[in-house]
Amino acid sequence: MDPLVAAIDQGTSSTRFLVFNAKTAELISHHQVEINQSFPKEGWVEEDPREIMQSVHECIERTCEKLCKLNIDVSNIKAVGVTNQRETTLVWDKDTGEPLYNAIVWLDLRTQSTVERLINKAPGRNKNHLRHKTGLPISTYFSAVKLRWLLDNVDEVHEAFLSQRAMFGTVDSWIIWCLTGGKNGGVHCTDVSNASRTMLFNIHTMDWDPELCRYFDIPMEILPSVRSSSEIYGWMVSSDTPHSTLCCLGDQSAALVGQMCFNEGQAKNTYGTGCFLLRNTGTKPVISDHGLLTTVAYKLGKDEPACYALEGSVAIAGAVVRWLKDNMGMVQSSSEIEKLAAAVGTSYGCYFVPAFSGLYAPYWEPSARGIICGLTQFTNRNHLAFAALEAVCFQTREILDAMNQDSGVPLTQLKVDGGMTSNRLLMQLQADILCIPVVRPTMSETTALGVAMAAGAAEGVGVWSLSPGQLPHVTSERYEPQINPEESEYRFARWKKAVQKAMNWETTEPCYNGSGKPLHAGSDFSC
């Protein structure tokens, strides 16, 4: 039997455990469990860290049961890679092993007033004040402001910090700490790709930056150690695969590896809860002039150089379908959206800007909010479904245009992956709106594949080769543009007009009624 490598893929909406053949990259077996999100207040998004770990254990157990039914020995799993939703922030008690608050999810907006305060005190009120070190604008998106909120607003977190019991981590750190023993010697670490999304990490020195930690007033002693993306961090204990080693890679970096984008200029777009376009820029960080992020893509070994990427991040992609299903009751399942939209084949002039968490790249405008415009009496739910799919494609067009401007070398095709790519109408729409072909791998689990490759290639494991001649052959489907560029440009121009209407909707200034009294109680209002 060929050696096997597994991946824990902990995303915003679900957890999966997937097992691959290290010689052929074939997906052997997997299991998936959905994750509940809670919305305690407007703009707040949380997940239960205990539920996350429960889902990890359940997925591992179910997948191992499936392997046994296939007469496959689970001891053939030589390594496990962890890939995760990035930026989502957790603090837990190292003595009890218990989380001290829910995980604050990456698209949560509760820190908007903190972000505005930080920008106001920056020289020239410049949101890019820290970009020279972090590659990132000051935004609600990244972990530092979420951690600051937890220290300021959650008594249990503050007390645990004072008594030196608090541990901070993104989801990868929490999973690895739990799986390697937790309070009984668990390994507290992260990798460079996840660390580079916190705003506390210097992407040039490749370490936590004391000046950045002082800026956000974050105590360095609660931070995890930073490792490469392909090395043995520790061993799993008390599981069906007890001898497996662990390493990790942020989900979008893992997809870049899984799409074999190892060369400068290669790019991929992942359609999940959000939408993330990454372009490999090689061993030198490129600072964007057009609203993109500079991020650490991966470091595939302790002594290997770090590779960087330009990233266009869109907060709401698959989440717009979930919103139509869960909030509006328009469909019973996410797969229905394609049938609804295909029944009309047009939005009939309706445009949907799903700025539920503000707008990310290329605008970085937290005050934007979602709008649907261009409605007439003729508009029905089919047109809204079509407009929702178009919105994903238009947002991708915006970040692709920014990336082409930054690089000076336009992409001639777009590699895609992620859950939404099973929607054929969406893929065709994307090709039409970009005016370039869209290429989707037949095996769409590229995020899990990428971290499995990194885990299998780690020194001391060595069951997966990343040398160019030995990379697995991947079959793919290709979608060619089918509308003329003039129509595409017309629709895109209308979309940009709709985006402008969504801007500057929320402020943190108090609103007053006719008698001069505030409309909201409390000191920090939105209106």
Protein backbone atom coordinates (compact mmCIF):
# COMPACT_ATOMS: atom_id res chain seq x y z
CA MET A 1 0.00 0.00 0.00
CA ASP A 2 1.31 3.46 -0.90
CA PRO A 3 1.83 5.85 2.03
CA LEU A 4 -1.12 8.10 2.88
CA VAL A 5 -1.19 11.72 4.00
CA ALA A 6 -4.23 13.37 5.58
CA ALA A 7 -5.50 16.92 5.86
CA ILE A 8 -7.68 18.60 8.47
CA ASP A 9 -9.45 21.37 6.54
CA GLN A 10 -11.13 23.64 9.10
CA GLY A 11 -13.05 26.30 7.16
CA THR A 12 -15.51 29.01 8.11
CA SER A 13 -18.59 26.90 7.40
CA SER A 14 -17.36 23.31 7.79
CA THR A 15 -14.61 20.96 8.95
CA ARG A 16 -13.28 18.10 6.83
CA PHE A 17 -10.74 15.32 7.18
CA LEU A 18 -9.39 14.04 3.86
CA VAL A 19 -6.92 11.24 3.11
CA PHE A 20 -4.74 11.25 -0.02
CA ASN A 21 -2.43 8.71 -1.65
CA ALA A 22 1.02 10.34 -1.41
CA LYS A 23 2.18 8.83 -4.71
CA THR A 24 -0.82 9.59 -6.94
CA ALA A 25 -2.55 12.47 -5.06
CA GLU A 26 -5.79 10.48 -5.33
CA LEU A 27 -8.42 11.34 -2.71
CA ILE A 28 -9.07 8.03 -0.90
CA SER A 29 -11.71 9.00 1.67
CA HIS A 30 -13.10 11.99 3.56
CA HIS A 31 -15.79 13.19 5.95
CA GLN A 32 -17.35 16.63 6.45
CA VAL A 33 -19.22 18.28 9.34
CA GLU A 34 -20.90 21.70 9.15
CA ILE A 35 -19.97 24.37 11.71
CA ASN A 36 -22.53 26.65 13.37
CA GLN A 37 -21.96 30.39 13.30
CA SER A 38 -23.57 32.72 15.84
CA PHE A 39 -24.38 36.39 15.31
CA PRO A 40 -24.85 37.80 18.85
CA LYS A 41 -25.09 41.40 17.61
CA GLU A 42 -25.24 43.13 14.25
CA GLY A 43 -21.88 42.66 12.50
CA TRP A 44 -20.61 40.13 15.07
CA VAL A 45 -19.67 36.61 13.89
CA GLU A 46 -18.54 33.92 16.34
CA GLU A 47 -17.89 30.17 16.44
CA ASP A 48 -17.53 27.83 19.41
CA PRO A 49 -13.91 26.56 19.74
CA ARG A 50 -15.19 23.41 21.48
CA GLU A 51 -17.50 22.68 18.55
CA ILE A 52 -14.58 23.20 16.16
CA MET A 53 -12.51 20.55 18.02
CA GLN A 54 -15.52 18.23 18.29
CA SER A 55 -15.97 18.45 14.51
CA VAL A 56 -12.27 17.70 13.96
CA HIS A 57 -12.45 14.55 16.10
CA GLU A 58 -15.72 13.45 14.47
CA CYS A 59 -14.30 13.89 10.95
CA ILE A 60 -11.14 11.92 11.84
CA GLU A 61 -13.15 9.08 13.41
CA ARG A 62 -15.68 8.80 10.56
CA THR A 63 -12.98 8.90 7.88
CA CYS A 64 -10.96 6.21 9.66
CA GLU A 65 -14.11 4.05 9.83
CA LYS A 66 -14.55 4.51 6.07
CA LEU A 67 -10.90 3.52 5.49
CA CYS A 68 -11.38 0.35 7.56
CA LYS A 69 -14.40 -0.57 5.39
CA LEU A 70 -12.11 -0.19 2.36
CA ASN A 71 -9.60 -2.55 4.08
CA ILE A 72 -7.05 0.28 4.32
CA ASP A 73 -4.81 0.32 7.39
CA VAL A 74 -4.98 3.77 9.05
CA SER A 75 -1.38 3.33 10.23
CA ASN A 76 -0.43 4.07 6.61
CA ILE A 77 -1.29 7.74 7.36
CA LYS A 78 2.23 9.11 7.81
CA ALA A 79 1.44 12.79 8.36
CA VAL A 80 -1.49 15.15 8.91
CA GLY A 81 -1.55 18.73 7.65
CA VAL A 82 -3.85 21.35 9.18
CA THR A 83 -5.32 24.04 6.95
CA ASN A 84 -7.64 26.63 8.37
CA GLN A 85 -9.76 29.76 8.09
CA ARG A 86 -7.18 32.48 8.69
CA GLU A 87 -7.39 35.54 11.02
CA THR A 88 -10.15 33.99 13.18
CA THR A 89 -9.01 34.70 16.74
CA LEU A 90 -9.09 32.53 19.88
CA VAL A 91 -7.80 32.86 23.45
CA TRP A 92 -7.75 29.88 25.81
CA ASP A 93 -6.55 28.93 29.30
CA LYS A 94 -3.38 26.85 29.17
CA ASP A 95 -4.07 25.32 32.63
CA THR A 96 -7.65 24.16 32.06
CA GLY A 97 -7.46 23.80 28.25
CA GLU A 98 -10.77 25.66 27.97
CA PRO A 99 -11.48 28.54 25.57
CA LEU A 100 -12.06 31.86 27.38
CA TYR A 101 -14.47 33.21 24.75
CA ASN A 102 -15.91 32.18 21.40
CA ALA A 103 -13.67 32.39 18.34
CA ILE A 104 -14.10 35.82 16.70
CA VAL A 105 -14.43 35.00 12.99
CA TRP A 106 -12.34 36.82 10.35
CA LEU A 107 -15.31 38.71 8.85
CA ASP A 108 -16.54 40.01 12.23
CA LEU A 109 -17.03 43.81 12.35
CA ARG A 110 -17.13 44.58 16.10
CA THR A 111 -13.69 46.22 15.97
CA GLN A 112 -14.70 48.92 13.47
CA SER A 113 -14.52 51.73 16.04
CA THR A 114 -11.09 50.45 17.20
CA VAL A 115 -9.89 50.47 13.60
CA GLU A 116 -11.18 54.01 13.04
CA ARG A 117 -9.41 55.15 16.22
CA LEU A 118 -6.12 53.56 15.07
CA ILE A 119 -6.41 55.12 11.61
CA ASN A 120 -7.19 58.53 13.13
CA LYS A 121 -4.01 58.42 15.22
CA ALA A 122 -1.85 57.24 12.27
CA PRO A 123 0.23 59.92 10.47
CA GLY A 124 -1.98 61.50 7.80
CA ARG A 125 -4.85 59.21 8.95
CA ASN A 126 -3.30 56.63 6.65
CA LYS A 127 -4.77 53.10 6.91
CA ASN A 128 -1.57 51.80 5.24
CA HIS A 129 0.60 53.13 8.06
CA LEU A 130 1.86 49.62 8.97
CA ARG A 131 1.94 48.15 5.46
CA HIS A 132 5.74 48.46 5.15
CA LYS A 133 6.10 45.81 7.89
CA THR A 134 2.89 43.78 7.65
CA GLY A 135 1.86 44.06 3.98
CA LEU A 136 -1.66 44.83 5.30
CA PRO A 137 -3.91 47.86 5.82
CA ILE A 138 -5.35 48.53 9.29
CA SER A 139 -8.67 46.66 9.06
CA THR A 140 -11.26 44.73 11.08
CA TYR A 141 -10.19 41.67 9.03
CA PHE A 142 -6.93 40.88 10.84
CA SER A 143 -6.28 39.21 14.21
CA ALA A 144 -4.52 41.98 16.19
CA VAL A 145 -7.62 44.17 16.57
CA LYS A 146 -9.76 41.14 17.51
CA LEU A 147 -7.24 40.12 20.18
CA ARG A 148 -7.13 43.71 21.47
CA TRP A 149 -10.95 43.63 21.74
CA LEU A 150 -10.83 40.38 23.74
CA LEU A 151 -8.24 41.78 26.18
CA ASP A 152 -10.26 44.97 26.63
CA ASN A 153 -13.78 43.56 26.82
CA VAL A 154 -13.72 40.01 28.20
CA ASP A 155 -12.88 39.82 31.92
CA GLU A 156 -11.90 36.14 31.72
CA VAL A 157 -9.33 36.92 29.00
CA HIS A 158 -7.91 39.90 30.90
CA GLU A 159 -7.66 37.93 34.16
CA ALA A 160 -6.03 34.95 32.43
CA PHE A 161 -3.47 37.28 30.89
CA LEU A 162 -2.66 38.88 34.27
CA SER A 163 -2.16 35.43 35.84
CA GLN A 164 -0.10 34.24 32.80
CA ARG A 165 -2.62 31.57 31.80
CA ALA A 166 -3.75 33.08 28.45
CA MET A 167 -2.76 31.64 25.07
CA PHE A 168 -3.61 33.34 21.78
CA GLY A 169 -3.86 31.59 18.45
CA THR A 170 -5.62 31.43 15.14
CA VAL A 171 -7.63 28.25 14.44
CA ASP A 172 -4.54 26.27 13.35
CA SER A 173 -2.81 26.95 16.72
CA TRP A 174 -5.89 25.86 18.68
CA ILE A 175 -6.27 22.60 16.71
CA ILE A 176 -2.55 21.73 16.89
CA TRP A 177 -2.35 22.54 20.62
CA CYS A 178 -5.39 20.34 21.33
CA LEU A 179 -4.25 17.43 19.13
CA THR A 180 -0.69 17.36 20.53
CA GLY A 181 -1.81 17.08 24.15
CA GLY A 182 -3.55 20.33 25.08
CA LYS A 183 -2.94 21.24 28.74
CA ASN A 184 -0.69 18.16 28.98
CA GLY A 185 2.19 19.45 26.86
CA GLY A 186 0.39 20.62 23.72
CA VAL A 187 2.52 22.43 21.13
CA HIS A 188 1.67 26.17 20.90
CA CYS A 189 2.72 27.19 17.40
CA THR A 190 1.60 28.57 14.05
CA ASP A 191 3.14 28.82 10.60
CA VAL A 192 4.38 31.84 8.66
CA SER A 193 1.30 32.01 6.39
CA ASN A 194 -1.08 32.31 9.35
CA ALA A 195 1.21 34.59 11.37
CA SER A 196 1.38 37.02 8.43
CA ARG A 197 -2.39 37.64 8.78
CA THR A 198 -2.29 38.93 12.36
CA MET A 199 -0.75 42.45 11.81
CA LEU A 200 1.79 41.51 14.53
CA PHE A 201 4.21 39.69 12.20
CA ASN A 202 7.02 41.34 10.26
CA ILE A 203 6.98 39.79 6.77
CA HIS A 204 10.65 40.77 6.21
CA THR A 205 12.23 39.48 9.44
CA MET A 206 9.75 36.55 9.47
CA ASP A 207 9.02 36.92 13.18
CA TRP A 208 6.73 38.68 15.66
CA ASP A 209 7.60 42.37 15.67
CA PRO A 210 8.02 44.08 19.10
CA GLU A 211 7.11 47.49 17.64
CA LEU A 212 3.87 46.16 16.11
CA CYS A 213 2.98 44.42 19.38
CA ARG A 214 3.53 47.71 21.25
CA TYR A 215 1.39 49.56 18.69
CA PHE A 216 -1.58 47.26 19.38
CA ASP A 217 -0.55 46.84 23.04
CA ILE A 218 -0.43 43.06 22.63
CA PRO A 219 1.74 41.10 25.13
CA MET A 220 4.24 39.00 23.15
CA GLU A 221 4.27 36.19 25.72
CA ILE A 222 0.78 35.01 24.70
CA LEU A 223 1.77 34.54 21.04
CA PRO A 224 2.54 31.09 19.54
CA SER A 225 5.99 30.24 18.17
CA VAL A 226 6.26 30.66 14.38
CA ARG A 227 7.39 27.70 12.27
CA SER A 228 7.75 26.91 8.58
CA SER A 229 4.76 25.43 6.73
CA SER A 230 6.44 22.06 6.16
CA GLU A 231 8.13 20.60 9.23
CA ILE A 232 7.18 18.31 12.10
CA TYR A 233 5.57 20.37 14.89
CA GLY A 234 4.64 17.39 17.05
CA TRP A 235 2.68 14.14 17.11
CA MET A 236 -1.03 13.54 17.44
CA VAL A 237 -2.07 11.94 20.73
CA SER A 238 -5.28 10.07 21.66
CA SER A 239 -6.68 9.69 18.14
CA ASP A 240 -7.16 7.03 15.47
CA THR A 241 -3.88 8.14 13.89
CA PRO A 242 -1.63 8.48 16.98
CA HIS A 243 1.73 8.36 15.21
CA SER A 244 0.99 11.04 12.63
CA THR A 245 3.04 14.22 12.58
CA LEU A 246 1.45 17.64 12.23
CA CYS A 247 2.18 20.81 10.27
CA CYS A 248 -0.02 23.63 8.93
CA LEU A 249 -0.70 26.16 6.17
CA GLY A 250 -3.40 28.87 6.02
CA ASP A 251 -6.25 27.83 3.71
CA GLN A 252 -5.52 30.22 0.83
CA SER A 253 -1.81 29.40 0.88
CA ALA A 254 -2.70 25.69 0.90
CA ALA A 255 -4.87 26.20 -2.20
CA LEU A 256 -1.95 27.95 -3.94
CA VAL A 257 0.24 24.89 -3.23
CA GLY A 258 -2.57 22.48 -4.18
CA GLN A 259 -2.93 24.27 -7.53
CA MET A 260 0.87 23.80 -8.02
CA CYS A 261 1.41 27.59 -8.24
CA PHE A 262 5.09 27.35 -7.28
CA ASN A 263 6.38 29.75 -9.93
CA GLU A 264 6.37 33.52 -9.86
CA GLY A 265 3.33 34.88 -11.70
CA GLN A 266 1.10 31.81 -11.20
CA ALA A 267 -2.26 32.51 -9.56
CA LYS A 268 -5.44 30.86 -8.27
CA ASN A 269 -8.85 32.01 -7.02
CA THR A 270 -10.68 30.11 -4.26
CA TYR A 271 -14.47 30.41 -3.92
CA GLY A 272 -15.47 29.59 -0.33
CA THR A 273 -17.28 31.68 2.28
CA GLY A 274 -15.23 34.52 0.82
CA CYS A 275 -13.22 34.73 -2.38
CA PHE A 276 -9.42 34.86 -2.42
CA LEU A 277 -7.18 35.49 -5.42
CA LEU A 278 -3.46 34.85 -4.77
CA ARG A 279 -0.59 35.41 -7.19
CA ASN A 280 2.85 33.99 -6.38
CA THR A 281 5.45 36.81 -6.39
CA GLY A 282 8.46 34.61 -5.56
CA THR A 283 10.93 35.25 -2.74
CA LYS A 284 10.46 39.02 -2.68
CA PRO A 285 7.40 40.75 -1.20
CA VAL A 286 5.63 43.07 -3.66
CA ILE A 287 3.74 46.02 -2.14
CA SER A 288 0.49 46.73 -3.99
CA ASP A 289 -0.50 50.16 -5.30
CA HIS A 290 -4.05 49.00 -6.01
CA GLY A 291 -5.54 47.79 -2.72
CA LEU A 292 -4.18 44.23 -2.62
CA LEU A 293 -2.47 42.58 0.36
CA THR A 294 1.12 41.41 0.54
CA THR A 295 1.19 38.10 2.37
CA VAL A 296 3.54 35.20 3.10
CA ALA A 297 2.40 32.40 0.79
CA TYR A 298 4.43 29.56 2.32
CA LYS A 299 7.83 28.43 3.58
CA LEU A 300 8.18 24.78 2.64
CA GLY A 301 10.84 23.74 5.14
CA LYS A 302 12.93 25.22 7.98
CA ASP A 303 15.83 26.09 5.70
CA GLU A 304 13.79 26.96 2.62
CA PRO A 305 13.16 30.59 1.60
CA ALA A 306 9.75 32.13 2.24
CA CYS A 307 7.62 32.76 -0.84
CA TYR A 308 5.24 35.71 -0.98
CA ALA A 309 1.97 36.45 -2.73
CA LEU A 310 -0.22 39.37 -3.69
CA GLU A 311 -3.75 38.69 -2.45
CA GLY A 312 -7.15 40.07 -3.31
CA SER A 313 -9.60 39.23 -0.52
CA VAL A 314 -13.39 39.37 -0.89
CA ALA A 315 -15.39 38.86 2.31
CA ILE A 316 -18.66 37.53 0.87
CA ALA A 317 -18.82 34.89 -1.90
CA GLY A 318 -20.41 31.57 -0.87
CA ALA A 319 -21.75 33.42 2.19
CA VAL A 320 -24.21 35.28 -0.07
CA VAL A 321 -25.79 31.95 -1.05
CA ARG A 322 -25.95 30.91 2.61
CA TRP A 323 -27.64 34.26 3.36
CA LEU A 324 -30.25 33.70 0.63
CA LYS A 325 -30.89 30.23 2.09
CA ASP A 326 -30.77 30.85 5.86
CA ASN A 327 -31.88 34.49 6.20
CA MET A 328 -34.24 34.92 3.26
CA GLY A 329 -35.53 31.34 2.86
CA MET A 330 -35.22 31.63 -0.94
CA VAL A 331 -33.76 28.14 -1.37
CA GLN A 332 -33.67 24.94 0.70
CA SER A 333 -30.11 24.02 -0.29
CA SER A 334 -27.14 25.91 -1.73
CA SER A 335 -27.23 23.79 -4.91
CA GLU A 336 -30.69 25.17 -5.80
CA ILE A 337 -29.25 28.61 -6.51
CA GLU A 338 -27.84 27.45 -9.85
CA LYS A 339 -31.24 26.16 -11.04
CA LEU A 340 -32.99 29.37 -9.99
CA ALA A 341 -30.47 31.58 -11.77
CA ALA A 342 -30.29 29.37 -14.88
CA ALA A 343 -34.07 29.54 -15.29
CA VAL A 344 -33.79 33.23 -16.29
CA GLY A 345 -30.16 33.52 -17.46
CA THR A 346 -30.02 37.23 -16.54
CA SER A 347 -30.36 39.54 -13.53
CA TYR A 348 -32.60 41.80 -15.66
CA GLY A 349 -30.68 44.91 -14.59
CA CYS A 350 -30.62 43.97 -10.88
CA TYR A 351 -27.27 44.34 -9.08
CA PHE A 352 -26.45 42.90 -5.64
CA VAL A 353 -23.46 44.25 -3.66
CA PRO A 354 -23.14 41.84 -0.68
CA ALA A 355 -21.07 44.19 1.53
CA PHE A 356 -22.32 42.48 4.72
CA SER A 357 -18.91 42.99 6.37
CA GLY A 358 -17.97 46.18 4.57
CA LEU A 359 -15.88 45.90 1.41
CA TYR A 360 -12.45 44.26 1.40
CA ALA A 361 -10.08 44.44 -1.60
CA PRO A 362 -9.57 46.68 -3.43
CA TYR A 363 -11.55 49.26 -1.40
CA TRP A 364 -10.95 48.39 2.29
CA GLU A 365 -14.09 50.29 3.21
CA PRO A 366 -15.60 48.99 6.49
CA SER A 367 -18.47 51.51 6.36
CA ALA A 368 -19.98 49.97 3.19
CA ARG A 369 -23.11 47.81 3.56
CA GLY A 370 -24.99 45.43 1.30
CA ILE A 371 -27.45 46.78 -1.26
CA ILE A 372 -29.67 45.40 -4.02
CA CYS A 373 -30.46 47.98 -6.70
CA GLY A 374 -32.04 48.19 -10.14
CA LEU A 375 -35.25 46.52 -8.91
CA THR A 376 -38.48 46.75 -10.92
CA GLN A 377 -41.89 45.11 -10.58
CA PHE A 378 -40.62 42.48 -13.02
CA THR A 379 -37.75 41.40 -10.70
CA ASN A 380 -38.27 38.02 -9.03
CA ARG A 381 -36.21 35.60 -6.93
CA ASN A 382 -34.63 34.04 -10.04
CA HIS A 383 -33.16 37.43 -11.00
CA LEU A 384 -31.91 37.91 -7.42
CA ALA A 385 -30.24 34.48 -7.52
CA PHE A 386 -28.55 35.40 -10.80
CA ALA A 387 -27.46 38.80 -9.38
CA ALA A 388 -25.95 37.04 -6.34
CA LEU A 389 -23.82 34.79 -8.56
CA GLU A 390 -22.84 37.74 -10.74
CA ALA A 391 -21.76 39.62 -7.59
CA VAL A 392 -19.17 36.92 -6.86
CA CYS A 393 -17.85 37.24 -10.42
CA PHE A 394 -17.78 41.05 -10.43
CA GLN A 395 -15.86 41.10 -7.13
CA THR A 396 -13.34 38.67 -8.65
CA ARG A 397 -13.05 40.94 -11.71
CA GLU A 398 -12.21 43.89 -9.43
CA ILE A 399 -9.37 42.09 -7.65
CA LEU A 400 -8.09 40.55 -10.90
CA ASP A 401 -7.92 44.01 -12.51
CA ALA A 402 -6.00 45.31 -9.47
CA MET A 403 -3.60 42.36 -9.67
CA ASN A 404 -2.98 42.88 -13.39
CA GLN A 405 -2.22 46.56 -12.73
CA ASP A 406 0.20 45.73 -9.92
CA SER A 407 2.06 43.06 -11.87
CA GLY A 408 1.97 44.67 -15.31
CA VAL A 409 1.49 41.16 -16.77
CA PRO A 410 -2.22 40.32 -17.24
CA LEU A 411 -3.32 36.78 -16.41
CA THR A 412 -4.31 34.87 -19.56
CA GLN A 413 -6.43 32.32 -17.65
CA LEU A 414 -7.69 31.89 -14.08
CA LYS A 415 -7.20 28.69 -12.06
CA VAL A 416 -10.13 28.22 -9.66
CA ASP A 417 -11.08 25.95 -6.76
CA GLY A 418 -13.34 25.81 -3.70
CA GLY A 419 -16.89 24.67 -2.97
CA MET A 420 -18.66 27.15 -5.27
CA THR A 421 -16.78 25.93 -8.36
CA SER A 422 -19.17 22.97 -8.63
CA ASN A 423 -21.69 25.58 -9.86
CA ARG A 424 -21.19 25.43 -13.64
CA LEU A 425 -23.27 28.53 -14.29
CA LEU A 426 -21.04 30.50 -11.91
CA MET A 427 -17.90 29.28 -13.70
CA GLN A 428 -19.28 30.27 -17.10
CA LEU A 429 -20.37 33.66 -15.75
CA GLN A 430 -16.87 34.14 -14.35
CA ALA A 431 -15.25 33.46 -17.72
CA ASP A 432 -17.71 35.85 -19.40
CA ILE A 433 -17.11 38.68 -16.91
CA LEU A 434 -13.30 38.29 -16.90
CA CYS A 435 -13.06 37.77 -20.69
CA ILE A 436 -10.45 35.04 -20.09
CA PRO A 437 -10.78 31.23 -19.70
CA VAL A 438 -11.47 29.77 -16.25
CA VAL A 439 -9.80 26.44 -15.43
CA ARG A 440 -11.24 24.19 -12.72
CA PRO A 441 -9.46 21.00 -11.55
CA THR A 442 -11.64 17.87 -11.69
CA MET A 443 -10.58 17.11 -8.09
CA SER A 444 -11.66 20.36 -6.45
CA GLU A 445 -10.21 19.71 -2.96
CA THR A 446 -7.04 21.67 -3.72
CA THR A 447 -6.83 23.36 -0.28
CA ALA A 448 -6.66 20.00 1.50
CA LEU A 449 -4.34 18.62 -1.19
CA GLY A 450 -1.95 21.55 -0.72
CA VAL A 451 -1.50 21.07 3.01
CA ALA A 452 -1.25 17.28 2.55
CA MET A 453 1.60 17.89 0.08
CA ALA A 454 3.37 20.19 2.58
CA ALA A 455 2.91 17.64 5.41
CA GLY A 456 4.06 14.69 3.29
CA ALA A 457 7.14 16.59 2.07
CA ALA A 458 8.29 17.62 5.58
CA GLU A 459 11.78 16.55 6.62
CA GLY A 460 11.43 13.38 8.67
CA VAL A 461 8.27 12.35 6.76
CA GLY A 462 9.47 12.49 3.15
CA VAL A 463 6.65 10.56 1.47
CA TRP A 464 5.66 13.33 -0.99
CA SER A 465 8.01 14.95 -3.48
CA LEU A 466 7.52 18.61 -4.43
CA SER A 467 10.17 18.59 -7.16
CA PRO A 468 8.69 19.88 -10.46
CA GLY A 469 9.09 16.59 -12.35
CA GLN A 470 7.25 14.59 -9.68
CA LEU A 471 4.19 16.75 -9.06
CA PRO A 472 0.89 14.92 -9.63
CA HIS A 473 -0.88 15.37 -12.96
CA VAL A 474 -4.21 17.13 -12.48
CA THR A 475 -7.07 16.93 -14.99
CA SER A 476 -9.28 19.99 -15.38
CA GLU A 477 -12.34 21.53 -17.03
CA ARG A 478 -12.03 24.75 -19.03
CA TYR A 479 -14.69 27.46 -19.42
CA GLU A 480 -14.23 29.85 -22.36
CA PRO A 481 -15.85 33.34 -22.48
CA GLN A 482 -19.09 33.22 -24.50
CA ILE A 483 -20.24 36.86 -24.57
CA ASN A 484 -18.67 39.79 -26.37
CA PRO A 485 -16.32 42.01 -24.33
CA GLU A 486 -18.54 45.10 -24.85
CA GLU A 487 -21.45 43.47 -22.98
CA SER A 488 -19.10 42.32 -20.24
CA GLU A 489 -17.71 45.86 -19.83
CA TYR A 490 -21.21 47.36 -19.75
CA ARG A 491 -22.34 45.01 -16.96
CA PHE A 492 -19.13 45.60 -15.02
CA ALA A 493 -19.53 49.39 -15.26
CA ARG A 494 -23.08 49.08 -13.85
CA TRP A 495 -21.72 46.93 -11.02
CA LYS A 496 -19.13 49.61 -10.14
CA LYS A 497 -21.93 52.18 -10.04
CA ALA A 498 -23.80 49.96 -7.56
CA VAL A 499 -20.65 49.62 -5.41
CA GLN A 500 -20.46 53.41 -5.09
CA LYS A 501 -24.05 53.41 -3.77
CA ALA A 502 -23.01 50.94 -1.02
CA MET A 503 -20.13 53.10 0.22
CA ASN A 504 -20.08 55.16 3.47
CA TRP A 505 -23.36 53.72 4.70
CA GLU A 506 -22.37 53.17 8.35
CA THR A 507 -20.62 55.65 10.62
CA THR A 508 -19.71 55.48 14.30
CA GLU A 509 -21.03 59.00 14.87
CA PRO A 510 -24.07 59.32 17.16
CA CYS A 511 -27.47 59.75 15.47
CA TYR A 512 -29.94 62.20 17.00
CA ASN A 513 -33.72 62.45 16.81
CA GLY A 514 -35.72 65.68 16.46
CA SER A 515 -35.44 66.54 20.17
CA GLY A 516 -31.66 66.20 20.13
CA LYS A 517 -31.54 62.86 21.96
CA PRO A 518 -29.35 59.97 20.69
CA LEU A 519 -31.30 57.26 18.86
CA HIS A 520 -29.15 54.50 20.40
CA ALA A 521 -28.07 53.95 23.98
CA GLY A 522 -24.36 53.57 24.71
CA SER A 523 -21.23 55.44 23.77
CA ASP A 524 -20.37 53.82 20.45
CA PHE A 525 -23.23 53.83 17.94
CA SER A 526 -23.57 53.03 14.30
CA CYS A 527 -26.02 54.88 12.10
